[in-house]
Amino acid sequence: CLLAMCFTLFGAYCNPYWNNLFFRTNADAYSRPYN
């Protein structure tokens, strides 16, 4: 449990790839239309 807690909290608050798009196969880097 201690390991799971540390891994989870570290993975969200210290992991620079939390919520990033790099590892998502269906993600794109496009914004909505400019206007």
PDB file of all heavy atoms in Angstrom:
ATOM      1  N   CYS A   1       0.828  -1.213   0.000  1.00  0.00           N
ATOM      2  CA  CYS A   1       0.000   0.000   0.000  1.00  0.00           C
ATOM      3  C   CYS A   1       0.861   1.261   0.000  1.00  0.00           C
ATOM      4  O   CYS A   1       0.571   2.228  -0.716  1.00  0.00           O
ATOM      5  CB  CYS A   1      -0.918  -0.001   1.221  1.00  0.00           C
ATOM      6  SG  CYS A   1      -2.249  -1.213   1.152  1.00  0.00           S
ATOM      7  N   LEU A   2       1.905   1.244   0.812  1.00  0.00           N
ATOM      8  CA  LEU A   2       2.803   2.390   0.867  1.00  0.00           C
ATOM      9  C   LEU A   2       3.452   2.637  -0.491  1.00  0.00           C
ATOM     10  O   LEU A   2       3.550   3.784  -0.958  1.00  0.00           O
ATOM     11  CB  LEU A   2       3.874   2.159   1.935  1.00  0.00           C
ATOM     12  CG  LEU A   2       4.906   3.278   2.112  1.00  0.00           C
ATOM     13  CD1 LEU A   2       4.221   4.565   2.542  1.00  0.00           C
ATOM     14  CD2 LEU A   2       5.976   2.864   3.109  1.00  0.00           C
ATOM     15  N   LEU A   3       3.872   1.555  -1.139  1.00  0.00           N
ATOM     16  CA  LEU A   3       4.466   1.664  -2.470  1.00  0.00           C
ATOM     17  C   LEU A   3       3.455   2.229  -3.467  1.00  0.00           C
ATOM     18  O   LEU A   3       3.781   3.108  -4.275  1.00  0.00           O
ATOM     19  CB  LEU A   3       4.956   0.290  -2.927  1.00  0.00           C
ATOM     20  CG  LEU A   3       5.562   0.210  -4.335  1.00  0.00           C
ATOM     21  CD1 LEU A   3       6.827   1.048  -4.406  1.00  0.00           C
ATOM     22  CD2 LEU A   3       5.869  -1.241  -4.705  1.00  0.00           C
ATOM     23  N   ALA A   4       2.216   1.733  -3.422  1.00  0.00           N
ATOM     24  CA  ALA A   4       1.176   2.197  -4.340  1.00  0.00           C
ATOM     25  C   ALA A   4       0.884   3.684  -4.128  1.00  0.00           C
ATOM     26  O   ALA A   4       0.722   4.449  -5.080  1.00  0.00           O
ATOM     27  CB  ALA A   4      -0.096   1.377  -4.154  1.00  0.00           C
ATOM     28  N   MET A   5       0.825   4.118  -2.867  1.00  0.00           N
ATOM     29  CA  MET A   5       0.563   5.523  -2.556  1.00  0.00           C
ATOM     30  C   MET A   5       1.678   6.422  -3.088  1.00  0.00           C
ATOM     31  O   MET A   5       1.413   7.447  -3.723  1.00  0.00           O
ATOM     32  CB  MET A   5       0.418   5.700  -1.045  1.00  0.00           C
ATOM     33  CG  MET A   5      -0.840   5.093  -0.459  1.00  0.00           C
ATOM     34  SD  MET A   5      -0.791   5.057   1.354  1.00  0.00           S
ATOM     35  CE  MET A   5      -0.576   6.784   1.725  1.00  0.00           C
ATOM     36  N   CYS A   6       2.919   6.029  -2.816  1.00  0.00           N
ATOM     37  CA  CYS A   6       4.058   6.836  -3.266  1.00  0.00           C
ATOM     38  C   CYS A   6       4.120   6.902  -4.786  1.00  0.00           C
ATOM     39  O   CYS A   6       4.336   7.977  -5.366  1.00  0.00           O
ATOM     40  CB  CYS A   6       5.358   6.257  -2.708  1.00  0.00           C
ATOM     41  SG  CYS A   6       5.525   6.428  -0.921  1.00  0.00           S
ATOM     42  N   PHE A   7       3.927   5.743  -5.422  1.00  0.00           N
ATOM     43  CA  PHE A   7       3.980   5.687  -6.884  1.00  0.00           C
ATOM     44  C   PHE A   7       2.900   6.568  -7.498  1.00  0.00           C
ATOM     45  O   PHE A   7       3.144   7.312  -8.459  1.00  0.00           O
ATOM     46  CB  PHE A   7       3.813   4.242  -7.349  1.00  0.00           C
ATOM     47  CG  PHE A   7       3.919   4.065  -8.839  1.00  0.00           C
ATOM     48  CD1 PHE A   7       5.157   3.952  -9.455  1.00  0.00           C
ATOM     49  CD2 PHE A   7       2.781   4.017  -9.634  1.00  0.00           C
ATOM     50  CE1 PHE A   7       5.261   3.793 -10.831  1.00  0.00           C
ATOM     51  CE2 PHE A   7       2.877   3.858 -11.004  1.00  0.00           C
ATOM     52  CZ  PHE A   7       4.126   3.750 -11.601  1.00  0.00           C
ATOM     53  N   THR A   8       1.697   6.506  -6.935  1.00  0.00           N
ATOM     54  CA  THR A   8       0.571   7.266  -7.484  1.00  0.00           C
ATOM     55  C   THR A   8       0.762   8.763  -7.313  1.00  0.00           C
ATOM     56  O   THR A   8       0.577   9.541  -8.259  1.00  0.00           O
ATOM     57  CB  THR A   8      -0.733   6.822  -6.801  1.00  0.00           C
ATOM     58  OG1 THR A   8      -0.908   5.418  -6.992  1.00  0.00           O
ATOM     59  CG2 THR A   8      -1.925   7.556  -7.376  1.00  0.00           C
ATOM     60  N   LEU A   9       1.138   9.183  -6.106  1.00  0.00           N
ATOM     61  CA  LEU A   9       1.312  10.609  -5.850  1.00  0.00           C
ATOM     62  C   LEU A   9       2.506  11.174  -6.618  1.00  0.00           C
ATOM     63  O   LEU A   9       2.438  12.273  -7.171  1.00  0.00           O
ATOM     64  CB  LEU A   9       1.468  10.850  -4.347  1.00  0.00           C
ATOM     65  CG  LEU A   9       0.225  10.551  -3.503  1.00  0.00           C
ATOM     66  CD1 LEU A   9       0.545  10.670  -2.018  1.00  0.00           C
ATOM     67  CD2 LEU A   9      -0.924  11.475  -3.881  1.00  0.00           C
ATOM     68  N   PHE A  10       3.594  10.400  -6.647  1.00  0.00           N
ATOM     69  CA  PHE A  10       4.766  10.834  -7.410  1.00  0.00           C
ATOM     70  C   PHE A  10       4.421  10.913  -8.896  1.00  0.00           C
ATOM     71  O   PHE A  10       4.826  11.842  -9.596  1.00  0.00           O
ATOM     72  CB  PHE A  10       5.931   9.867  -7.190  1.00  0.00           C
ATOM     73  CG  PHE A  10       7.213  10.305  -7.831  1.00  0.00           C
ATOM     74  CD1 PHE A  10       8.117  11.096  -7.132  1.00  0.00           C
ATOM     75  CD2 PHE A  10       7.532   9.935  -9.133  1.00  0.00           C
ATOM     76  CE1 PHE A  10       9.301  11.515  -7.723  1.00  0.00           C
ATOM     77  CE2 PHE A  10       8.713  10.337  -9.736  1.00  0.00           C
ATOM     78  CZ  PHE A  10       9.598  11.132  -9.013  1.00  0.00           C
ATOM     79  N   GLY A  11       3.663   9.931  -9.386  1.00  0.00           N
ATOM     80  CA  GLY A  11       3.298   9.883 -10.800  1.00  0.00           C
ATOM     81  C   GLY A  11       2.456  11.046 -11.250  1.00  0.00           C
ATOM     82  O   GLY A  11       2.467  11.418 -12.422  1.00  0.00           O
ATOM     83  N   ALA A  12       1.704  11.657 -10.325  1.00  0.00           N
ATOM     84  CA  ALA A  12       0.875  12.803 -10.685  1.00  0.00           C
ATOM     85  C   ALA A  12       1.580  14.125 -10.446  1.00  0.00           C
ATOM     86  O   ALA A  12       1.523  15.031 -11.285  1.00  0.00           O
ATOM     87  CB  ALA A  12      -0.435  12.767  -9.899  1.00  0.00           C
ATOM     88  N   TYR A  13       2.263  14.249  -9.317  1.00  0.00           N
ATOM     89  CA  TYR A  13       2.799  15.552  -8.914  1.00  0.00           C
ATOM     90  C   TYR A  13       4.266  15.764  -9.269  1.00  0.00           C
ATOM     91  O   TYR A  13       4.734  16.907  -9.283  1.00  0.00           O
ATOM     92  CB  TYR A  13       2.582  15.753  -7.412  1.00  0.00           C
ATOM     93  CG  TYR A  13       1.134  15.984  -7.067  1.00  0.00           C
ATOM     94  CD1 TYR A  13       0.303  14.931  -6.696  1.00  0.00           C
ATOM     95  CD2 TYR A  13       0.582  17.259  -7.158  1.00  0.00           C
ATOM     96  CE1 TYR A  13      -1.042  15.137  -6.399  1.00  0.00           C
ATOM     97  CE2 TYR A  13      -0.765  17.473  -6.870  1.00  0.00           C
ATOM     98  CZ  TYR A  13      -1.566  16.411  -6.494  1.00  0.00           C
ATOM     99  OH  TYR A  13      -2.897  16.630  -6.226  1.00  0.00           O
ATOM    100  N   CYS A  14       4.992  14.708  -9.552  1.00  0.00           N
ATOM    101  CA  CYS A  14       6.413  14.841  -9.903  1.00  0.00           C
ATOM    102  C   CYS A  14       6.715  14.349 -11.312  1.00  0.00           C
ATOM    103  O   CYS A  14       7.770  14.661 -11.855  1.00  0.00           O
ATOM    104  CB  CYS A  14       7.281  14.072  -8.901  1.00  0.00           C
ATOM    105  SG  CYS A  14       7.117  14.684  -7.208  1.00  0.00           S
ATOM    106  N   ASN A  15       5.829  13.600 -11.883  1.00  0.00           N
ATOM    107  CA  ASN A  15       6.015  13.058 -13.227  1.00  0.00           C
ATOM    108  C   ASN A  15       5.717  14.130 -14.270  1.00  0.00           C
ATOM    109  O   ASN A  15       4.588  14.608 -14.377  1.00  0.00           O
ATOM    110  CB  ASN A  15       5.072  11.860 -13.410  1.00  0.00           C
ATOM    111  CG  ASN A  15       5.018  11.352 -14.834  1.00  0.00           C
ATOM    112  OD1 ASN A  15       5.915  11.606 -15.631  1.00  0.00           O
ATOM    113  ND2 ASN A  15       3.962  10.633 -15.147  1.00  0.00           N
ATOM    114  N   PRO A  16       6.705  14.555 -15.073  1.00  0.00           N
ATOM    115  CA  PRO A  16       6.460  15.614 -16.062  1.00  0.00           C
ATOM    116  C   PRO A  16       5.540  15.181 -17.199  1.00  0.00           C
ATOM    117  O   PRO A  16       5.099  16.026 -17.990  1.00  0.00           O
ATOM    118  CB  PRO A  16       7.865  15.933 -16.584  1.00  0.00           C
ATOM    119  CG  PRO A  16       8.660  14.692 -16.354  1.00  0.00           C
ATOM    120  CD  PRO A  16       8.110  14.093 -15.088  1.00  0.00           C
ATOM    121  N   TYR A  17       5.247  13.880 -17.292  1.00  0.00           N
ATOM    122  CA  TYR A  17       4.408  13.390 -18.382  1.00  0.00           C
ATOM    123  C   TYR A  17       2.963  13.151 -17.954  1.00  0.00           C
ATOM    124  O   TYR A  17       2.175  12.611 -18.721  1.00  0.00           O
ATOM    125  CB  TYR A  17       5.014  12.106 -18.962  1.00  0.00           C
ATOM    126  CG  TYR A  17       6.403  12.331 -19.510  1.00  0.00           C
ATOM    127  CD1 TYR A  17       7.522  11.887 -18.818  1.00  0.00           C
ATOM    128  CD2 TYR A  17       6.599  13.019 -20.702  1.00  0.00           C
ATOM    129  CE1 TYR A  17       8.804  12.111 -19.303  1.00  0.00           C
ATOM    130  CE2 TYR A  17       7.871  13.256 -21.193  1.00  0.00           C
ATOM    131  CZ  TYR A  17       8.962  12.800 -20.485  1.00  0.00           C
ATOM    132  OH  TYR A  17      10.236  13.038 -20.965  1.00  0.00           O
ATOM    133  N   TRP A  18       2.601  13.544 -16.729  1.00  0.00           N
ATOM    134  CA  TRP A  18       1.203  13.461 -16.313  1.00  0.00           C
ATOM    135  C   TRP A  18       0.380  14.439 -17.161  1.00  0.00           C
ATOM    136  O   TRP A  18       0.704  15.611 -17.281  1.00  0.00           O
ATOM    137  CB  TRP A  18       1.074  13.801 -14.831  1.00  0.00           C
ATOM    138  CG  TRP A  18      -0.342  13.816 -14.336  1.00  0.00           C
ATOM    139  CD1 TRP A  18      -1.176  14.893 -14.272  1.00  0.00           C
ATOM    140  CD2 TRP A  18      -1.097  12.697 -13.853  1.00  0.00           C
ATOM    141  NE1 TRP A  18      -2.406  14.533 -13.778  1.00  0.00           N
ATOM    142  CE2 TRP A  18      -2.394  13.184 -13.510  1.00  0.00           C
ATOM    143  CE3 TRP A  18      -0.826  11.347 -13.677  1.00  0.00           C
ATOM    144  CZ2 TRP A  18      -3.391  12.358 -12.991  1.00  0.00           C
ATOM    145  CZ3 TRP A  18      -1.816  10.531 -13.167  1.00  0.00           C
ATOM    146  CH2 TRP A  18      -3.073  11.027 -12.829  1.00  0.00           C
ATOM    147  N   ASN A  19      -0.658  13.924 -17.799  1.00  0.00           N
ATOM    148  CA  ASN A  19      -1.552  14.686 -18.689  1.00  0.00           C
ATOM    149  C   ASN A  19      -0.881  15.122 -19.987  1.00  0.00           C
ATOM    150  O   ASN A  19      -1.437  15.940 -20.724  1.00  0.00           O
ATOM    151  CB  ASN A  19      -2.135  15.922 -17.986  1.00  0.00           C
ATOM    152  CG  ASN A  19      -3.328  15.563 -17.124  1.00  0.00           C
ATOM    153  OD1 ASN A  19      -3.925  14.505 -17.281  1.00  0.00           O
ATOM    154  ND2 ASN A  19      -3.679  16.427 -16.196  1.00  0.00           N
ATOM    155  N   ASN A  20       0.311  14.604 -20.293  1.00  0.00           N
ATOM    156  CA  ASN A  20       0.957  14.979 -21.557  1.00  0.00           C
ATOM    157  C   ASN A  20       0.387  14.145 -22.701  1.00  0.00           C
ATOM    158  O   ASN A  20      -0.339  13.162 -22.493  1.00  0.00           O
ATOM    159  CB  ASN A  20       2.471  14.791 -21.443  1.00  0.00           C
ATOM    160  CG  ASN A  20       2.913  13.415 -21.873  1.00  0.00           C
ATOM    161  OD1 ASN A  20       3.443  13.230 -22.955  1.00  0.00           O
ATOM    162  ND2 ASN A  20       2.653  12.415 -21.031  1.00  0.00           N
ATOM    163  N   LEU A  21       0.721  14.535 -23.931  1.00  0.00           N
ATOM    164  CA  LEU A  21       0.153  13.880 -25.118  1.00  0.00           C
ATOM    165  C   LEU A  21       1.119  12.943 -25.832  1.00  0.00           C
ATOM    166  O   LEU A  21       0.723  12.280 -26.794  1.00  0.00           O
ATOM    167  CB  LEU A  21      -0.307  14.960 -26.121  1.00  0.00           C
ATOM    168  CG  LEU A  21      -1.298  15.998 -25.608  1.00  0.00           C
ATOM    169  CD1 LEU A  21      -1.645  16.970 -26.722  1.00  0.00           C
ATOM    170  CD2 LEU A  21      -2.556  15.343 -25.066  1.00  0.00           C
ATOM    171  N   PHE A  22       2.363  12.881 -25.401  1.00  0.00           N
ATOM    172  CA  PHE A  22       3.379  12.167 -26.163  1.00  0.00           C
ATOM    173  C   PHE A  22       3.081  10.693 -26.376  1.00  0.00           C
ATOM    174  O   PHE A  22       3.391  10.125 -27.418  1.00  0.00           O
ATOM    175  CB  PHE A  22       4.739  12.289 -25.479  1.00  0.00           C
ATOM    176  CG  PHE A  22       5.565  13.410 -26.024  1.00  0.00           C
ATOM    177  CD1 PHE A  22       6.295  14.222 -25.178  1.00  0.00           C
ATOM    178  CD2 PHE A  22       5.607  13.681 -27.376  1.00  0.00           C
ATOM    179  CE1 PHE A  22       7.059  15.262 -25.668  1.00  0.00           C
ATOM    180  CE2 PHE A  22       6.357  14.717 -27.881  1.00  0.00           C
ATOM    181  CZ  PHE A  22       7.087  15.507 -27.017  1.00  0.00           C
ATOM    182  N   PHE A  23       2.509  10.050 -25.384  1.00  0.00           N
ATOM    183  CA  PHE A  23       2.354   8.606 -25.442  1.00  0.00           C
ATOM    184  C   PHE A  23       0.961   8.169 -25.883  1.00  0.00           C
ATOM    185  O   PHE A  23       0.632   6.997 -25.827  1.00  0.00           O
ATOM    186  CB  PHE A  23       2.680   7.996 -24.079  1.00  0.00           C
ATOM    187  CG  PHE A  23       4.020   8.417 -23.549  1.00  0.00           C
ATOM    188  CD1 PHE A  23       4.120   9.316 -22.506  1.00  0.00           C
ATOM    189  CD2 PHE A  23       5.185   7.922 -24.114  1.00  0.00           C
ATOM    190  CE1 PHE A  23       5.360   9.725 -22.021  1.00  0.00           C
ATOM    191  CE2 PHE A  23       6.422   8.322 -23.638  1.00  0.00           C
ATOM    192  CZ  PHE A  23       6.507   9.221 -22.597  1.00  0.00           C
ATOM    193  N   ARG A  24       0.158   9.122 -26.338  1.00  0.00           N
ATOM    194  CA  ARG A  24      -1.213   8.797 -26.739  1.00  0.00           C
ATOM    195  C   ARG A  24      -1.304   8.668 -28.251  1.00  0.00           C
ATOM    196  O   ARG A  24      -1.039   9.621 -28.982  1.00  0.00           O
ATOM    197  CB  ARG A  24      -2.184   9.873 -26.243  1.00  0.00           C
ATOM    198  CG  ARG A  24      -2.187   9.984 -24.720  1.00  0.00           C
ATOM    199  CD  ARG A  24      -3.184  11.001 -24.240  1.00  0.00           C
ATOM    200  NE  ARG A  24      -3.006  11.253 -22.814  1.00  0.00           N
ATOM    201  CZ  ARG A  24      -3.668  12.171 -22.125  1.00  0.00           C
ATOM    202  NH1 ARG A  24      -4.561  12.919 -22.752  1.00  0.00           N
ATOM    203  NH2 ARG A  24      -3.443  12.336 -20.841  1.00  0.00           N
ATOM    204  N   THR A  25      -1.683   7.507 -28.707  1.00  0.00           N
ATOM    205  CA  THR A  25      -1.698   7.234 -30.149  1.00  0.00           C
ATOM    206  C   THR A  25      -2.779   8.035 -30.875  1.00  0.00           C
ATOM    207  O   THR A  25      -2.654   8.311 -32.064  1.00  0.00           O
ATOM    208  CB  THR A  25      -1.933   5.732 -30.409  1.00  0.00           C
ATOM    209  OG1 THR A  25      -3.141   5.325 -29.740  1.00  0.00           O
ATOM    210  CG2 THR A  25      -0.768   4.914 -29.862  1.00  0.00           C
ATOM    211  N   ASN A  26      -3.849   8.420 -30.169  1.00  0.00           N
ATOM    212  CA  ASN A  26      -4.948   9.135 -30.824  1.00  0.00           C
ATOM    213  C   ASN A  26      -4.859  10.644 -30.635  1.00  0.00           C
ATOM    214  O   ASN A  26      -5.781  11.374 -30.988  1.00  0.00           O
ATOM    215  CB  ASN A  26      -6.292   8.639 -30.277  1.00  0.00           C
ATOM    216  CG  ASN A  26      -6.431   8.881 -28.783  1.00  0.00           C
ATOM    217  OD1 ASN A  26      -5.431   9.068 -28.089  1.00  0.00           O
ATOM    218  ND2 ASN A  26      -7.652   8.845 -28.287  1.00  0.00           N
ATOM    219  N   ALA A  27      -3.745  11.138 -30.084  1.00  0.00           N
ATOM    220  CA  ALA A  27      -3.621  12.572 -29.802  1.00  0.00           C
ATOM    221  C   ALA A  27      -3.013  13.312 -30.983  1.00  0.00           C
ATOM    222  O   ALA A  27      -2.260  12.744 -31.771  1.00  0.00           O
ATOM    223  CB  ALA A  27      -2.767  12.788 -28.559  1.00  0.00           C
ATOM    224  N   ASP A  28      -3.353  14.583 -31.118  1.00  0.00           N
ATOM    225  CA  ASP A  28      -2.708  15.442 -32.103  1.00  0.00           C
ATOM    226  C   ASP A  28      -2.336  16.752 -31.433  1.00  0.00           C
ATOM    227  O   ASP A  28      -2.806  17.061 -30.338  1.00  0.00           O
ATOM    228  CB  ASP A  28      -3.609  15.696 -33.315  1.00  0.00           C
ATOM    229  CG  ASP A  28      -4.865  16.470 -32.954  1.00  0.00           C
ATOM    230  OD1 ASP A  28      -4.739  17.657 -32.595  1.00  0.00           O
ATOM    231  OD2 ASP A  28      -5.981  15.904 -33.019  1.00  0.00           O
ATOM    232  N   ALA A  29      -1.475  17.522 -32.084  1.00  0.00           N
ATOM    233  CA  ALA A  29      -0.984  18.768 -31.491  1.00  0.00           C
ATOM    234  C   ALA A  29      -1.651  19.985 -32.113  1.00  0.00           C
ATOM    235  O   ALA A  29      -1.130  21.093 -32.037  1.00  0.00           O
ATOM    236  CB  ALA A  29       0.524  18.860 -31.660  1.00  0.00           C
ATOM    237  N   TYR A  30      -2.827  19.801 -32.719  1.00  0.00           N
ATOM    238  CA  TYR A  30      -3.508  20.924 -33.369  1.00  0.00           C
ATOM    239  C   TYR A  30      -4.461  21.632 -32.412  1.00  0.00           C
ATOM    240  O   TYR A  30      -5.153  21.003 -31.605  1.00  0.00           O
ATOM    241  CB  TYR A  30      -4.289  20.447 -34.597  1.00  0.00           C
ATOM    242  CG  TYR A  30      -3.416  19.996 -35.725  1.00  0.00           C
ATOM    243  CD1 TYR A  30      -3.433  18.678 -36.168  1.00  0.00           C
ATOM    244  CD2 TYR A  30      -2.558  20.896 -36.354  1.00  0.00           C
ATOM    245  CE1 TYR A  30      -2.622  18.267 -37.205  1.00  0.00           C
ATOM    246  CE2 TYR A  30      -1.749  20.491 -37.404  1.00  0.00           C
ATOM    247  CZ  TYR A  30      -1.784  19.172 -37.821  1.00  0.00           C
ATOM    248  OH  TYR A  30      -0.985  18.764 -38.854  1.00  0.00           O
ATOM    249  N   SER A  31      -4.509  22.935 -32.546  1.00  0.00           N
ATOM    250  CA  SER A  31      -5.467  23.729 -31.791  1.00  0.00           C
ATOM    251  C   SER A  31      -6.787  23.773 -32.558  1.00  0.00           C
ATOM    252  O   SER A  31      -6.914  23.197 -33.649  1.00  0.00           O
ATOM    253  CB  SER A  31      -4.934  25.150 -31.610  1.00  0.00           C
ATOM    254  OG  SER A  31      -4.927  25.836 -32.864  1.00  0.00           O
ATOM    255  N   ARG A  32      -7.755  24.466 -32.006  1.00  0.00           N
ATOM    256  CA  ARG A  32      -8.946  24.785 -32.784  1.00  0.00           C
ATOM    257  C   ARG A  32      -8.554  25.780 -33.882  1.00  0.00           C
ATOM    258  O   ARG A  32      -7.488  26.396 -33.806  1.00  0.00           O
ATOM    259  CB  ARG A  32     -10.016  25.377 -31.865  1.00  0.00           C
ATOM    260  CG  ARG A  32     -10.630  24.358 -30.919  1.00  0.00           C
ATOM    261  CD  ARG A  32     -11.463  25.004 -29.831  1.00  0.00           C
ATOM    262  NE  ARG A  32     -12.519  25.855 -30.359  1.00  0.00           N
ATOM    263  CZ  ARG A  32     -13.348  26.568 -29.594  1.00  0.00           C
ATOM    264  NH1 ARG A  32     -13.218  26.535 -28.274  1.00  0.00           N
ATOM    265  NH2 ARG A  32     -14.284  27.312 -30.149  1.00  0.00           N
ATOM    266  N   PRO A  33      -9.361  25.956 -34.927  1.00  0.00           N
ATOM    267  CA  PRO A  33      -9.020  26.926 -35.981  1.00  0.00           C
ATOM    268  C   PRO A  33      -8.659  28.292 -35.402  1.00  0.00           C
ATOM    269  O   PRO A  33      -9.237  28.740 -34.414  1.00  0.00           O
ATOM    270  CB  PRO A  33     -10.309  26.981 -36.824  1.00  0.00           C
ATOM    271  CG  PRO A  33     -10.894  25.612 -36.665  1.00  0.00           C
ATOM    272  CD  PRO A  33     -10.599  25.216 -35.244  1.00  0.00           C
ATOM    273  N   TYR A  34      -7.694  28.932 -36.044  1.00  0.00           N
ATOM    274  CA  TYR A  34      -7.080  30.131 -35.485  1.00  0.00           C
ATOM    275  C   TYR A  34      -8.046  31.281 -35.237  1.00  0.00           C
ATOM    276  O   TYR A  34      -7.845  32.108 -34.342  1.00  0.00           O
ATOM    277  CB  TYR A  34      -5.959  30.613 -36.411  1.00  0.00           C
ATOM    278  CG  TYR A  34      -6.429  31.337 -37.657  1.00  0.00           C
ATOM    279  CD1 TYR A  34      -6.328  32.719 -37.750  1.00  0.00           C
ATOM    280  CD2 TYR A  34      -6.965  30.647 -38.744  1.00  0.00           C
ATOM    281  CE1 TYR A  34      -6.745  33.396 -38.885  1.00  0.00           C
ATOM    282  CE2 TYR A  34      -7.391  31.306 -39.875  1.00  0.00           C
ATOM    283  CZ  TYR A  34      -7.282  32.678 -39.948  1.00  0.00           C
ATOM    284  OH  TYR A  34      -7.703  33.345 -41.069  1.00  0.00           O
ATOM    285  N   ASN A  35      -9.129  31.354 -36.038  1.00  0.00           N
ATOM    286  CA  ASN A  35     -10.050  32.480 -35.913  1.00  0.00           C
ATOM    287  C   ASN A  35     -11.302  32.145 -35.107  1.00  0.00           C
ATOM    288  O   ASN A  35     -12.199  32.982 -34.971  1.00  0.00           O
ATOM    289  CB  ASN A  35     -10.438  33.016 -37.288  1.00  0.00           C
ATOM    290  CG  ASN A  35     -10.927  31.913 -38.224  1.00  0.00           C
ATOM    291  OD1 ASN A  35     -11.031  30.755 -37.815  1.00  0.00           O
ATOM    292  ND2 ASN A  35     -11.217  32.275 -39.450  1.00  0.00           N
TER     293      ASN A  35
END
